[in-house]
Amino acid sequence: FEHTIIAGTQDGRCVKDRAGIYSKLGLLFEMQKEFSKGSLAAERVSIYPPNNDIPDHPRYNGGHVVAEYGFNNTRGLDVDAIQMEFGTRLRKESKLRDKVALAIARALLNSNYVQSIQSARYSSDLV
């Protein structure tokens, strides 16, 4: 797992739609797309679980923060929460870490999360 980001959602309990984060425009789908390009593909950077059919990693399935603040929490917040654990090489090698951070930022901008926030913002500006 040294080149892997382990995504934890407590097996989908902390996100509105676990399948959605792996589908087109979902954050993890967009991250995988970014990781398949150029030097990140050569470094074999990946996400675990790679798709919605595989459950979260048993040791890294999302901790207190995703449970407390993620979707279906006791606070009544409807926020998707994904905990990300970064493999050893992704943490220790600064150039690789910077590339991964940039790829995640691009994935977030391309994902439906940002698009839905922008839609809500623009519709509220009209009211």
Protein backbone atom coordinates (compact mmCIF):
# COMPACT_ATOMS: atom_id res chain seq x y z
CA PHE A 1 0.00 0.00 0.00
CA GLU A 2 2.98 2.36 -0.20
CA HIS A 3 1.62 4.00 -3.39
CA THR A 4 -2.02 3.82 -2.30
CA ILE A 5 -4.58 6.19 -0.83
CA ILE A 6 -6.98 4.19 1.30
CA ALA A 7 -10.44 5.79 1.31
CA GLY A 8 -12.61 5.12 4.34
CA THR A 9 -16.35 5.81 4.44
CA GLN A 10 -17.34 3.26 7.09
CA ASP A 11 -18.53 1.08 4.21
CA GLY A 12 -20.68 3.87 2.84
CA ARG A 13 -22.38 4.97 6.05
CA CYS A 14 -20.65 8.37 6.00
CA VAL A 15 -21.55 9.32 2.44
CA LYS A 16 -24.92 9.86 0.85
CA ASP A 17 -24.20 7.48 -2.03
CA ARG A 18 -21.10 5.24 -1.90
CA ALA A 19 -21.62 4.08 -5.48
CA GLY A 20 -21.77 7.75 -6.49
CA ILE A 21 -18.23 8.53 -5.33
CA TYR A 22 -16.97 5.82 -7.70
CA SER A 23 -19.21 6.76 -10.64
CA LYS A 24 -18.41 9.33 -13.33
CA LEU A 25 -17.86 12.76 -11.70
CA GLY A 26 -17.63 11.13 -8.26
CA LEU A 27 -14.56 12.17 -6.28
CA LEU A 28 -12.85 8.77 -6.19
CA PHE A 29 -13.56 8.20 -9.89
CA GLU A 30 -12.02 11.57 -10.72
CA MET A 31 -9.01 10.84 -8.49
CA GLN A 32 -8.43 7.52 -10.25
CA LYS A 33 -8.63 9.33 -13.59
CA GLU A 34 -5.98 11.84 -12.46
CA PHE A 35 -3.74 9.07 -11.09
CA SER A 36 -3.83 7.26 -14.45
CA LYS A 37 -1.98 10.13 -16.16
CA GLY A 38 1.74 10.70 -16.67
CA SER A 39 4.19 10.29 -13.83
CA LEU A 40 1.51 9.28 -11.32
CA ALA A 41 0.62 6.31 -13.54
CA ALA A 42 4.32 5.42 -13.71
CA GLU A 43 4.47 5.59 -9.90
CA ARG A 44 1.41 3.27 -9.74
CA VAL A 45 -0.53 5.62 -7.45
CA SER A 46 -3.91 4.07 -6.69
CA ILE A 47 -7.00 4.16 -4.51
CA TYR A 48 -8.26 1.38 -2.30
CA PRO A 49 -10.96 0.22 -2.56
CA PRO A 50 -10.73 0.62 -6.34
CA ASN A 51 -14.50 0.39 -6.84
CA ASN A 52 -17.80 0.26 -5.01
CA ASP A 53 -17.96 -3.56 -5.09
CA ILE A 54 -15.08 -3.91 -2.62
CA PRO A 55 -15.68 -2.95 1.04
CA ASP A 56 -13.51 -0.42 2.86
CA HIS A 57 -10.19 -1.65 4.25
CA PRO A 58 -10.97 -3.20 7.66
CA ARG A 59 -8.29 -1.19 9.52
CA TYR A 60 -8.76 2.10 7.65
CA ASN A 61 -12.48 2.35 7.06
CA GLY A 62 -13.01 5.85 8.44
CA GLY A 63 -12.61 6.98 11.99
CA HIS A 64 -14.23 9.29 14.48
CA VAL A 65 -14.31 12.41 12.29
CA VAL A 66 -16.14 10.78 9.37
CA ALA A 67 -18.58 9.14 11.77
CA GLU A 68 -19.15 12.33 13.74
CA TYR A 69 -19.53 14.73 10.82
CA GLY A 70 -20.27 12.55 7.79
CA PHE A 71 -23.63 11.72 6.29
CA ASN A 72 -26.08 9.99 8.68
CA ASN A 73 -24.38 11.47 11.73
CA THR A 74 -25.99 12.35 15.03
CA ARG A 75 -25.61 16.10 14.33
CA GLY A 76 -28.06 16.06 11.45
CA LEU A 77 -25.48 17.20 8.90
CA ASP A 78 -25.80 15.87 5.35
CA VAL A 79 -22.11 16.02 4.45
CA ASP A 80 -20.15 13.31 2.67
CA ALA A 81 -17.04 12.36 4.64
CA ILE A 82 -14.16 10.33 3.24
CA GLN A 83 -11.09 9.63 5.35
CA MET A 84 -7.93 9.27 3.28
CA GLU A 85 -4.88 7.38 4.54
CA PHE A 86 -1.77 7.97 2.44
CA GLY A 87 0.74 5.17 1.79
CA THR A 88 4.33 5.48 2.96
CA ARG A 89 5.84 6.75 -0.30
CA LEU A 90 3.01 9.25 -0.75
CA ARG A 91 3.83 10.74 2.65
CA LYS A 92 7.63 10.63 2.57
CA GLU A 93 8.58 11.69 -0.96
CA SER A 94 7.92 15.41 -1.27
CA LYS A 95 7.83 15.59 -5.10
CA LEU A 96 5.41 12.66 -5.31
CA ARG A 97 3.33 14.09 -2.45
CA ASP A 98 3.06 17.42 -4.27
CA LYS A 99 1.94 15.71 -7.50
CA VAL A 100 -0.66 13.66 -5.63
CA ALA A 101 -1.97 16.75 -3.82
CA LEU A 102 -2.33 18.58 -7.13
CA ALA A 103 -4.10 15.58 -8.70
CA ILE A 104 -6.54 15.42 -5.77
CA ALA A 105 -7.24 19.14 -6.10
CA ARG A 106 -7.94 18.71 -9.84
CA ALA A 107 -10.17 15.72 -9.12
CA LEU A 108 -12.11 17.70 -6.52
CA LEU A 109 -12.63 20.57 -8.97
CA ASN A 110 -13.86 18.14 -11.63
CA SER A 111 -16.09 16.16 -9.29
CA ASN A 112 -19.81 16.55 -8.76
CA TYR A 113 -19.13 17.88 -5.23
CA VAL A 114 -17.81 21.19 -6.48
CA GLN A 115 -20.33 21.31 -9.31
CA SER A 116 -23.23 20.88 -6.86
CA ILE A 117 -21.80 23.55 -4.55
CA GLN A 118 -21.45 25.95 -7.48
CA SER A 119 -25.03 25.20 -8.60
CA ALA A 120 -26.37 25.89 -5.11
CA ARG A 121 -24.34 29.10 -4.87
CA TYR A 122 -25.53 30.43 -8.20
CA SER A 123 -29.15 29.55 -7.53
CA SER A 124 -29.01 31.29 -4.14
CA ASP A 125 -27.55 34.41 -5.81
CA LEU A 126 -30.73 34.64 -7.88
CA VAL A 127 -33.06 34.64 -4.87
